């Protein structure tokens, strides 16, 4: 079962950078989920998909996967660049878009 090594992105409702500095190693789903006939819950016999290992660097995560013989793929993080804006920029004379309420 292959593992995925990645750096998690910041959530939409998250203003800080907590939990985005570490690299994660997660196992991908090996078997399909099944519906339990008694309760109707979805379940799986694969317990490795619940494991989430955290590492300080990508190199540590790759070294661990190679040492343990785990097939892996690395997903590089996409850097998001934002232009800092002030509230007063909404009312500039040379604004690109039309200002609406």
PDB file of N, CA and C in Angstrom:
ATOM      1  N   UNK A   1       0.846  -1.164   0.000  1.00  0.00           N
ATOM      2  CA  UNK A   1       0.000   0.000   0.000  1.00  0.00           C
ATOM      3  C   UNK A   1       0.895   1.231   0.000  1.00  0.00           C
ATOM      4  N   UNK A   2       0.714   2.126  -0.960  1.00  0.00           N
ATOM      5  CA  UNK A   2       1.579   3.315  -1.000  1.00  0.00           C
ATOM      6  C   UNK A   2       1.188   4.326   0.068  1.00  0.00           C
ATOM      7  N   UNK A   3       2.167   5.098   0.454  1.00  0.00           N
ATOM      8  CA  UNK A   3       1.949   6.159   1.427  1.00  0.00           C
ATOM      9  C   UNK A   3       2.122   7.498   0.727  1.00  0.00           C
ATOM     10  N   UNK A   4       1.543   8.503   1.294  1.00  0.00           N
ATOM     11  CA  UNK A   4       1.604   9.853   0.740  1.00  0.00           C
ATOM     12  C   UNK A   4       2.330  10.740   1.733  1.00  0.00           C
ATOM     13  N   UNK A   5       3.368  11.434   1.280  1.00  0.00           N
ATOM     14  CA  UNK A   5       4.118  12.370   2.116  1.00  0.00           C
ATOM     15  C   UNK A   5       3.818  13.767   1.600  1.00  0.00           C
ATOM     16  N   UNK A   6       3.281  14.613   2.478  1.00  0.00           N
ATOM     17  CA  UNK A   6       2.896  15.949   2.055  1.00  0.00           C
ATOM     18  C   UNK A   6       2.931  16.904   3.234  1.00  0.00           C
ATOM     19  N   UNK A   7       2.853  18.174   2.911  1.00  0.00           N
ATOM     20  CA  UNK A   7       2.782  19.229   3.908  1.00  0.00           C
ATOM     21  C   UNK A   7       1.359  19.784   3.838  1.00  0.00           C
ATOM     22  N   UNK A   8       0.582  19.681   4.930  1.00  0.00           N
ATOM     23  CA  UNK A   8      -0.823  20.084   4.845  1.00  0.00           C
ATOM     24  C   UNK A   8      -0.990  21.579   4.600  1.00  0.00           C
ATOM     25  N   UNK A   9      -2.041  21.905   3.880  1.00  0.00           N
ATOM     26  CA  UNK A   9      -2.352  23.302   3.591  1.00  0.00           C
ATOM     27  C   UNK A   9      -3.144  23.909   4.738  1.00  0.00           C
ATOM     28  N   UNK A  10      -3.141  25.203   4.789  1.00  0.00           N
ATOM     29  CA  UNK A  10      -3.900  25.919   5.803  1.00  0.00           C
ATOM     30  C   UNK A  10      -5.379  25.827   5.471  1.00  0.00           C
ATOM     31  N   UNK A  11      -6.198  25.572   6.460  1.00  0.00           N
ATOM     32  CA  UNK A  11      -7.631  25.473   6.244  1.00  0.00           C
ATOM     33  C   UNK A  11      -8.261  26.816   5.911  1.00  0.00           C
ATOM     34  N   UNK A  12      -9.469  26.790   5.352  1.00  0.00           N
ATOM     35  CA  UNK A  12     -10.139  28.018   4.945  1.00  0.00           C
ATOM     36  C   UNK A  12     -10.508  28.881   6.138  1.00  0.00           C
ATOM     37  N   UNK A  13     -10.801  28.284   7.267  1.00  0.00           N
ATOM     38  CA  UNK A  13     -11.192  29.047   8.443  1.00  0.00           C
ATOM     39  C   UNK A  13     -10.037  29.271   9.401  1.00  0.00           C
ATOM     40  N   UNK A  14      -8.848  28.960   8.974  1.00  0.00           N
ATOM     41  CA  UNK A  14      -7.669  29.045   9.831  1.00  0.00           C
ATOM     42  C   UNK A  14      -6.897  30.315   9.501  1.00  0.00           C
ATOM     43  N   UNK A  15      -6.637  31.138  10.499  1.00  0.00           N
ATOM     44  CA  UNK A  15      -5.903  32.368  10.240  1.00  0.00           C
ATOM     45  C   UNK A  15      -4.411  32.209  10.521  1.00  0.00           C
ATOM     46  N   UNK A  16      -4.046  31.307  11.407  1.00  0.00           N
ATOM     47  CA  UNK A  16      -2.644  31.104  11.744  1.00  0.00           C
ATOM     48  C   UNK A  16      -2.011  30.006  10.915  1.00  0.00           C
ATOM     49  N   UNK A  17      -0.757  29.711  11.207  1.00  0.00           N
ATOM     50  CA  UNK A  17      -0.025  28.684  10.466  1.00  0.00           C
ATOM     51  C   UNK A  17       0.214  27.425  11.292  1.00  0.00           C
ATOM     52  N   UNK A  18      -0.568  27.226  12.354  1.00  0.00           N
ATOM     53  CA  UNK A  18      -0.411  26.030  13.171  1.00  0.00           C
ATOM     54  C   UNK A  18      -0.743  24.792  12.353  1.00  0.00           C
ATOM     55  N   UNK A  19      -0.030  23.717  12.606  1.00  0.00           N
ATOM     56  CA  UNK A  19      -0.208  22.428  11.938  1.00  0.00           C
ATOM     57  C   UNK A  19       0.074  22.466  10.436  1.00  0.00           C
ATOM     58  N   UNK A  20       0.795  23.460   9.967  1.00  0.00           N
ATOM     59  CA  UNK A  20       1.160  23.514   8.556  1.00  0.00           C
ATOM     60  C   UNK A  20       2.666  23.448   8.365  1.00  0.00           C
ATOM     61  N   UNK A  21       3.426  23.351   9.442  1.00  0.00           N
ATOM     62  CA  UNK A  21       4.884  23.343   9.329  1.00  0.00           C
ATOM     63  C   UNK A  21       5.463  21.935   9.286  1.00  0.00           C
ATOM     64  N   UNK A  22       4.705  20.943   9.712  1.00  0.00           N
ATOM     65  CA  UNK A  22       5.187  19.567   9.744  1.00  0.00           C
ATOM     66  C   UNK A  22       4.800  18.829   8.466  1.00  0.00           C
ATOM     67  N   UNK A  23       5.571  17.821   8.139  1.00  0.00           N
ATOM     68  CA  UNK A  23       5.275  16.947   7.004  1.00  0.00           C
ATOM     69  C   UNK A  23       4.536  15.723   7.522  1.00  0.00           C
ATOM     70  N   UNK A  24       3.544  15.267   6.791  1.00  0.00           N
ATOM     71  CA  UNK A  24       2.741  14.115   7.193  1.00  0.00           C
ATOM     72  C   UNK A  24       2.997  12.938   6.272  1.00  0.00           C
ATOM     73  N   UNK A  25       2.978  11.753   6.857  1.00  0.00           N
ATOM     74  CA  UNK A  25       3.020  10.506   6.097  1.00  0.00           C
ATOM     75  C   UNK A  25       1.707   9.791   6.400  1.00  0.00           C
ATOM     76  N   UNK A  26       0.883   9.626   5.371  1.00  0.00           N
ATOM     77  CA  UNK A  26      -0.403   8.943   5.516  1.00  0.00           C
ATOM     78  C   UNK A  26      -0.453   7.786   4.544  1.00  0.00           C
ATOM     79  N   UNK A  27      -1.055   6.706   4.970  1.00  0.00           N
ATOM     80  CA  UNK A  27      -1.247   5.560   4.098  1.00  0.00           C
ATOM     81  C   UNK A  27      -2.538   5.733   3.315  1.00  0.00           C
ATOM     82  N   UNK A  28      -2.509   5.357   2.051  1.00  0.00           N
ATOM     83  CA  UNK A  28      -3.705   5.458   1.235  1.00  0.00           C
ATOM     84  C   UNK A  28      -4.600   4.258   1.480  1.00  0.00           C
ATOM     85  N   UNK A  29      -5.840   4.391   1.092  1.00  0.00           N
ATOM     86  CA  UNK A  29      -6.830   3.343   1.318  1.00  0.00           C
ATOM     87  C   UNK A  29      -6.491   2.121   0.477  1.00  0.00           C
ATOM     88  N   UNK A  30      -6.403   0.969   1.134  1.00  0.00           N
ATOM     89  CA  UNK A  30      -6.013  -0.271   0.460  1.00  0.00           C
ATOM     90  C   UNK A  30      -7.235  -1.054  -0.011  1.00  0.00           C
ATOM     91  N   UNK A  31      -8.254  -1.116   0.811  1.00  0.00           N
ATOM     92  CA  UNK A  31      -9.458  -1.853   0.439  1.00  0.00           C
ATOM     93  C   UNK A  31     -10.652  -0.909   0.457  1.00  0.00           C
ATOM     94  N   UNK A  32     -11.663  -1.270  -0.285  1.00  0.00           N
ATOM     95  CA  UNK A  32     -12.850  -0.422  -0.378  1.00  0.00           C
ATOM     96  C   UNK A  32     -13.636  -0.455   0.924  1.00  0.00           C
ATOM     97  N   UNK A  33     -14.315   0.623   1.189  1.00  0.00           N
ATOM     98  CA  UNK A  33     -15.179   0.671   2.370  1.00  0.00           C
ATOM     99  C   UNK A  33     -16.442  -0.135   2.100  1.00  0.00           C
ATOM    100  N   UNK A  34     -16.975  -0.708   3.169  1.00  0.00           N
ATOM    101  CA  UNK A  34     -18.177  -1.520   3.062  1.00  0.00           C
ATOM    102  C   UNK A  34     -19.241  -0.964   3.992  1.00  0.00           C
ATOM    103  N   UNK A  35     -20.478  -1.194   3.669  1.00  0.00           N
ATOM    104  CA  UNK A  35     -21.570  -0.771   4.534  1.00  0.00           C
ATOM    105  C   UNK A  35     -21.904  -1.920   5.471  1.00  0.00           C
ATOM    106  N   UNK A  36     -21.859  -1.626   6.767  1.00  0.00           N
ATOM    107  CA  UNK A  36     -22.169  -2.636   7.764  1.00  0.00           C
ATOM    108  C   UNK A  36     -23.679  -2.899   7.732  1.00  0.00           C
ATOM    109  N   UNK A  37     -24.092  -4.164   7.632  1.00  0.00           N
ATOM    110  CA  UNK A  37     -25.518  -4.430   7.468  1.00  0.00           C
ATOM    111  C   UNK A  37     -26.370  -4.094   8.702  1.00  0.00           C
ATOM    112  N   UNK A  38     -25.811  -4.204   9.896  1.00  0.00           N
ATOM    113  CA  UNK A  38     -26.613  -3.989  11.094  1.00  0.00           C
ATOM    114  C   UNK A  38     -26.928  -2.510  11.330  1.00  0.00           C
ATOM    115  N   UNK A  39     -25.903  -1.662  11.324  1.00  0.00           N
ATOM    116  CA  UNK A  39     -26.102  -0.250  11.651  1.00  0.00           C
ATOM    117  C   UNK A  39     -26.111   0.656  10.420  1.00  0.00           C
ATOM    118  N   UNK A  40     -25.586   0.174   9.297  1.00  0.00           N
ATOM    119  CA  UNK A  40     -25.532   0.995   8.102  1.00  0.00           C
ATOM    120  C   UNK A  40     -24.330   1.917   8.046  1.00  0.00           C
ATOM    121  N   UNK A  41     -23.373   1.766   8.971  1.00  0.00           N
ATOM    122  CA  UNK A  41     -22.170   2.586   8.970  1.00  0.00           C
ATOM    123  C   UNK A  41     -21.213   2.078   7.903  1.00  0.00           C
ATOM    124  N   UNK A  42     -20.378   2.961   7.404  1.00  0.00           N
ATOM    125  CA  UNK A  42     -19.331   2.521   6.490  1.00  0.00           C
ATOM    126  C   UNK A  42     -18.123   2.129   7.318  1.00  0.00           C
ATOM    127  N   UNK A  43     -17.505   1.036   6.941  1.00  0.00           N
ATOM    128  CA  UNK A  43     -16.343   0.551   7.681  1.00  0.00           C
ATOM    129  C   UNK A  43     -15.345  -0.049   6.703  1.00  0.00           C
ATOM    130  N   UNK A  44     -14.162  -0.302   7.219  1.00  0.00           N
ATOM    131  CA  UNK A  44     -13.101  -0.886   6.416  1.00  0.00           C
ATOM    132  C   UNK A  44     -12.242  -1.762   7.317  1.00  0.00           C
ATOM    133  N   UNK A  45     -11.702  -2.810   6.761  1.00  0.00           N
ATOM    134  CA  UNK A  45     -10.811  -3.685   7.514  1.00  0.00           C
ATOM    135  C   UNK A  45      -9.385  -3.135   7.523  1.00  0.00           C
ATOM    136  N   UNK A  46      -9.152  -2.104   6.750  1.00  0.00           N
ATOM    137  CA  UNK A  46      -7.824  -1.506   6.627  1.00  0.00           C
ATOM    138  C   UNK A  46      -7.617  -0.484   7.743  1.00  0.00           C
ATOM    139  N   UNK A  47      -6.787  -0.805   8.724  1.00  0.00           N
ATOM    140  CA  UNK A  47      -6.555   0.116   9.842  1.00  0.00           C
ATOM    141  C   UNK A  47      -5.361   1.043   9.604  1.00  0.00           C
ATOM    142  N   UNK A  48      -4.569   0.768   8.580  1.00  0.00           N
ATOM    143  CA  UNK A  48      -3.400   1.621   8.334  1.00  0.00           C
ATOM    144  C   UNK A  48      -3.792   3.006   7.830  1.00  0.00           C
ATOM    145  N   UNK A  49      -4.999   3.134   7.266  1.00  0.00           N
ATOM    146  CA  UNK A  49      -5.404   4.444   6.772  1.00  0.00           C
ATOM    147  C   UNK A  49      -5.703   5.412   7.913  1.00  0.00           C
ATOM    148  N   UNK A  50      -5.782   4.912   9.132  1.00  0.00           N
ATOM    149  CA  UNK A  50      -5.990   5.768  10.292  1.00  0.00           C
ATOM    150  C   UNK A  50      -4.678   6.321  10.838  1.00  0.00           C
ATOM    151  N   UNK A  51      -3.547   5.786  10.387  1.00  0.00           N
ATOM    152  CA  UNK A  51      -2.235   6.187  10.895  1.00  0.00           C
ATOM    153  C   UNK A  51      -1.777   7.455  10.183  1.00  0.00           C
ATOM    154  N   UNK A  52      -1.323   8.414  10.971  1.00  0.00           N
ATOM    155  CA  UNK A  52      -0.808   9.668  10.438  1.00  0.00           C
ATOM    156  C   UNK A  52       0.462  10.003  11.209  1.00  0.00           C
ATOM    157  N   UNK A  53       1.606   9.921  10.545  1.00  0.00           N
ATOM    158  CA  UNK A  53       2.893  10.191  11.187  1.00  0.00           C
ATOM    159  C   UNK A  53       3.355  11.598  10.827  1.00  0.00           C
ATOM    160  N   UNK A  54       3.872  12.336  11.810  1.00  0.00           N
ATOM    161  CA  UNK A  54       4.335  13.701  11.603  1.00  0.00           C
ATOM    162  C   UNK A  54       5.868  13.749  11.686  1.00  0.00           C
ATOM    163  N   UNK A  55       6.470  14.519  10.764  1.00  0.00           N
ATOM    164  CA  UNK A  55       7.919  14.683  10.717  1.00  0.00           C
ATOM    165  C   UNK A  55       8.238  16.166  10.570  1.00  0.00           C
ATOM    166  N   UNK A  56       9.410  16.557  11.082  1.00  0.00           N
ATOM    167  CA  UNK A  56       9.833  17.956  10.989  1.00  0.00           C
ATOM    168  C   UNK A  56      10.228  18.350   9.569  1.00  0.00           C
ATOM    169  N   UNK A  57      10.842  17.422   8.833  1.00  0.00           N
ATOM    170  CA  UNK A  57      11.291  17.724   7.476  1.00  0.00           C
ATOM    171  C   UNK A  57      10.847  16.630   6.516  1.00  0.00           C
ATOM    172  N   UNK A  58      10.873  16.975   5.237  1.00  0.00           N
ATOM    173  CA  UNK A  58      10.528  16.007   4.199  1.00  0.00           C
ATOM    174  C   UNK A  58      11.560  14.887   4.158  1.00  0.00           C
ATOM    175  N   UNK A  59      12.818  15.222   4.369  1.00  0.00           N
ATOM    176  CA  UNK A  59      13.883  14.226   4.315  1.00  0.00           C
ATOM    177  C   UNK A  59      13.704  13.164   5.402  1.00  0.00           C
ATOM    178  N   UNK A  60      13.253  13.573   6.585  1.00  0.00           N
ATOM    179  CA  UNK A  60      13.011  12.605   7.657  1.00  0.00           C
ATOM    180  C   UNK A  60      11.878  11.650   7.288  1.00  0.00           C
ATOM    181  N   UNK A  61      10.835  12.168   6.673  1.00  0.00           N
ATOM    182  CA  UNK A  61       9.706  11.327   6.275  1.00  0.00           C
ATOM    183  C   UNK A  61      10.115  10.343   5.189  1.00  0.00           C
ATOM    184  N   UNK A  62      10.899  10.804   4.224  1.00  0.00           N
ATOM    185  CA  UNK A  62      11.368   9.925   3.144  1.00  0.00           C
ATOM    186  C   UNK A  62      12.307   8.868   3.704  1.00  0.00           C
ATOM    187  N   UNK A  63      13.205   9.261   4.611  1.00  0.00           N
ATOM    188  CA  UNK A  63      14.131   8.302   5.215  1.00  0.00           C
ATOM    189  C   UNK A  63      13.375   7.235   6.000  1.00  0.00           C
ATOM    190  N   UNK A  64      12.342   7.622   6.727  1.00  0.00           N
ATOM    191  CA  UNK A  64      11.539   6.649   7.468  1.00  0.00           C
ATOM    192  C   UNK A  64      10.859   5.669   6.516  1.00  0.00           C
ATOM    193  N   UNK A  65      10.261   6.184   5.449  1.00  0.00           N
ATOM    194  CA  UNK A  65       9.570   5.314   4.492  1.00  0.00           C
ATOM    195  C   UNK A  65      10.543   4.340   3.836  1.00  0.00           C
ATOM    196  N   UNK A  66      11.726   4.807   3.486  1.00  0.00           N
ATOM    197  CA  UNK A  66      12.711   3.920   2.863  1.00  0.00           C
ATOM    198  C   UNK A  66      13.245   2.904   3.860  1.00  0.00           C
ATOM    199  N   UNK A  67      13.457   3.316   5.094  1.00  0.00           N
ATOM    200  CA  UNK A  67      13.969   2.399   6.112  1.00  0.00           C
ATOM    201  C   UNK A  67      12.962   1.294   6.411  1.00  0.00           C
ATOM    202  N   UNK A  68      11.669   1.633   6.410  1.00  0.00           N
ATOM    203  CA  UNK A  68      10.631   0.642   6.715  1.00  0.00           C
ATOM    204  C   UNK A  68      10.135  -0.100   5.479  1.00  0.00           C
ATOM    205  N   UNK A  69      10.650   0.242   4.298  1.00  0.00           N
ATOM    206  CA  UNK A  69      10.247  -0.441   3.069  1.00  0.00           C
ATOM    207  C   UNK A  69       8.844  -0.079   2.612  1.00  0.00           C
ATOM    208  N   UNK A  70       8.437   1.148   2.844  1.00  0.00           N
ATOM    209  CA  UNK A  70       7.105   1.605   2.475  1.00  0.00           C
ATOM    210  C   UNK A  70       7.191   2.329   1.139  1.00  0.00           C
ATOM    211  N   UNK A  71       6.346   1.927   0.199  1.00  0.00           N
ATOM    212  CA  UNK A  71       6.260   2.654  -1.068  1.00  0.00           C
ATOM    213  C   UNK A  71       5.620   4.002  -0.783  1.00  0.00           C
ATOM    214  N   UNK A  72       6.160   5.069  -1.373  1.00  0.00           N
ATOM    215  CA  UNK A  72       5.668   6.406  -1.058  1.00  0.00           C
ATOM    216  C   UNK A  72       5.707   7.289  -2.284  1.00  0.00           C
ATOM    217  N   UNK A  73       4.955   8.378  -2.205  1.00  0.00           N
ATOM    218  CA  UNK A  73       5.042   9.448  -3.188  1.00  0.00           C
ATOM    219  C   UNK A  73       5.015  10.771  -2.430  1.00  0.00           C
ATOM    220  N   UNK A  74       5.825  11.719  -2.893  1.00  0.00           N
ATOM    221  CA  UNK A  74       5.955  13.007  -2.225  1.00  0.00           C
ATOM    222  C   UNK A  74       5.172  14.048  -3.011  1.00  0.00           C
ATOM    223  N   UNK A  75       4.331  14.804  -2.314  1.00  0.00           N
ATOM    224  CA  UNK A  75       3.593  15.911  -2.922  1.00  0.00           C
ATOM    225  C   UNK A  75       4.171  17.210  -2.393  1.00  0.00           C
ATOM    226  N   UNK A  76       4.767  17.981  -3.278  1.00  0.00           N
ATOM    227  CA  UNK A  76       5.378  19.246  -2.882  1.00  0.00           C
ATOM    228  C   UNK A  76       4.286  20.280  -2.600  1.00  0.00           C
ATOM    229  N   UNK A  77       4.476  21.117  -1.596  1.00  0.00           N
ATOM    230  CA  UNK A  77       3.456  22.133  -1.296  1.00  0.00           C
ATOM    231  C   UNK A  77       3.455  23.245  -2.336  1.00  0.00           C
ATOM    232  N   UNK A  78       2.281  23.776  -2.594  1.00  0.00           N
ATOM    233  CA  UNK A  78       2.152  24.908  -3.504  1.00  0.00           C
ATOM    234  C   UNK A  78       2.146  26.179  -2.669  1.00  0.00           C
ATOM    235  N   UNK A  79       3.048  27.072  -2.986  1.00  0.00           N
ATOM    236  CA  UNK A  79       3.148  28.315  -2.238  1.00  0.00           C
ATOM    237  C   UNK A  79       2.098  29.298  -2.740  1.00  0.00           C
ATOM    238  N   UNK A  80       1.356  29.862  -1.811  1.00  0.00           N
ATOM    239  CA  UNK A  80       0.333  30.834  -2.146  1.00  0.00           C
ATOM    240  C   UNK A  80       0.870  32.220  -1.839  1.00  0.00           C
ATOM    241  N   UNK A  81       0.846  33.075  -2.831  1.00  0.00           N
ATOM    242  CA  UNK A  81       1.305  34.444  -2.620  1.00  0.00           C
ATOM    243  C   UNK A  81       0.077  35.349  -2.607  1.00  0.00           C
ATOM    244  N   UNK A  82      -0.028  36.132  -1.574  1.00  0.00           N
ATOM    245  CA  UNK A  82      -1.141  37.066  -1.448  1.00  0.00           C
ATOM    246  C   UNK A  82      -0.600  38.482  -1.411  1.00  0.00           C
ATOM    247  N   UNK A  83      -1.309  39.360  -2.077  1.00  0.00           N
ATOM    248  CA  UNK A  83      -0.932  40.763  -2.074  1.00  0.00           C
ATOM    249  C   UNK A  83      -1.566  41.414  -0.860  1.00  0.00           C
ATOM    250  N   UNK A  84      -0.774  42.013   0.022  1.00  0.00           N
ATOM    251  CA  UNK A  84      -1.365  42.642   1.202  1.00  0.00           C
ATOM    252  C   UNK A  84      -2.212  43.839   0.790  1.00  0.00           C
ATOM    253  N   UNK A  85      -3.389  43.927   1.384  1.00  0.00           N
ATOM    254  CA  UNK A  85      -4.302  45.026   1.077  1.00  0.00           C
ATOM    255  C   UNK A  85      -4.764  45.674   2.372  1.00  0.00           C
ATOM    256  N   UNK A  86      -5.104  46.915   2.271  1.00  0.00           N
ATOM    257  CA  UNK A  86      -5.688  47.643   3.384  1.00  0.00           C
ATOM    258  C   UNK A  86      -7.170  47.857   3.087  1.00  0.00           C
ATOM    259  N   UNK A  87      -7.934  48.151   4.098  1.00  0.00           N
ATOM    260  CA  UNK A  87      -9.364  48.393   3.909  1.00  0.00           C
ATOM    261  C   UNK A  87      -9.609  49.580   2.991  1.00  0.00           C
ATOM    262  N   UNK A  88      -8.748  50.563   3.053  1.00  0.00           N
ATOM    263  CA  UNK A  88      -8.921  51.766   2.231  1.00  0.00           C
ATOM    264  C   UNK A  88      -8.713  51.469   0.744  1.00  0.00           C
ATOM    265  N   UNK A  89      -8.062  50.356   0.402  1.00  0.00           N
ATOM    266  CA  UNK A  89      -7.878  49.995  -1.004  1.00  0.00           C
ATOM    267  C   UNK A  89      -9.213  49.702  -1.696  1.00  0.00           C
ATOM    268  N   UNK A  90     -10.246  49.405  -0.935  1.00  0.00           N
ATOM    269  CA  UNK A  90     -11.558  49.168  -1.537  1.00  0.00           C
ATOM    270  C   UNK A  90     -12.150  50.434  -2.152  1.00  0.00           C
ATOM    271  N   UNK A  91     -11.688  51.603  -1.737  1.00  0.00           N
ATOM    272  CA  UNK A  91     -12.284  52.863  -2.164  1.00  0.00           C
ATOM    273  C   UNK A  91     -11.331  53.701  -3.019  1.00  0.00           C
ATOM    274  N   UNK A  92     -10.299  53.093  -3.572  1.00  0.00           N
ATOM    275  CA  UNK A  92      -9.334  53.830  -4.384  1.00  0.00           C
ATOM    276  C   UNK A  92      -9.980  54.327  -5.670  1.00  0.00           C
ATOM    277  N   UNK A  93      -9.490  55.444  -6.164  1.00  0.00           N
ATOM    278  CA  UNK A  93     -10.008  56.010  -7.403  1.00  0.00           C
ATOM    279  C   UNK A  93      -9.648  55.127  -8.603  1.00  0.00           C
ATOM    280  N   UNK A  94      -8.433  54.602  -8.631  1.00  0.00           N
ATOM    281  CA  UNK A  94      -7.969  53.801  -9.773  1.00  0.00           C
ATOM    282  C   UNK A  94      -8.152  52.297  -9.522  1.00  0.00           C
ATOM    283  N   UNK A  95      -9.228  51.939  -8.878  1.00  0.00           N
ATOM    284  CA  UNK A  95      -9.537  50.534  -8.583  1.00  0.00           C
ATOM    285  C   UNK A  95      -9.843  49.784  -9.881  1.00  0.00           C
ATOM    286  N   UNK A  96      -9.408  48.520  -9.984  1.00  0.00           N
ATOM    287  CA  UNK A  96      -9.615  47.742 -11.213  1.00  0.00           C
ATOM    288  C   UNK A  96     -11.081  47.380 -11.427  1.00  0.00           C
ATOM    289  N   UNK A  97     -11.743  46.906 -10.411  1.00  0.00           N
ATOM    290  CA  UNK A  97     -13.139  46.500 -10.548  1.00  0.00           C
ATOM    291  C   UNK A  97     -14.084  47.534  -9.998  1.00  0.00           C
ATOM    292  N   UNK A  98     -15.350  47.418 -10.368  1.00  0.00           N
ATOM    293  CA  UNK A  98     -16.348  48.366  -9.875  1.00  0.00           C
ATOM    294  C   UNK A  98     -16.641  48.061  -8.407  1.00  0.00           C
ATOM    295  N   UNK A  99     -16.824  49.119  -7.629  1.00  0.00           N
ATOM    296  CA  UNK A  99     -17.130  48.942  -6.215  1.00  0.00           C
ATOM    297  C   UNK A  99     -18.636  48.832  -6.060  1.00  0.00           C
ATOM    298  N   UNK A 100     -19.083  47.789  -5.397  1.00  0.00           N
ATOM    299  CA  UNK A 100     -20.513  47.606  -5.166  1.00  0.00           C
ATOM    300  C   UNK A 100     -20.737  47.328  -3.702  1.00  0.00           C
ATOM    301  N   UNK A 101     -21.939  47.502  -3.261  1.00  0.00           N
ATOM    302  CA  UNK A 101     -22.288  47.253  -1.868  1.00  0.00           C
ATOM    303  C   UNK A 101     -22.562  45.807  -1.658  1.00  0.00           C
TER     304      UNK A 101
END
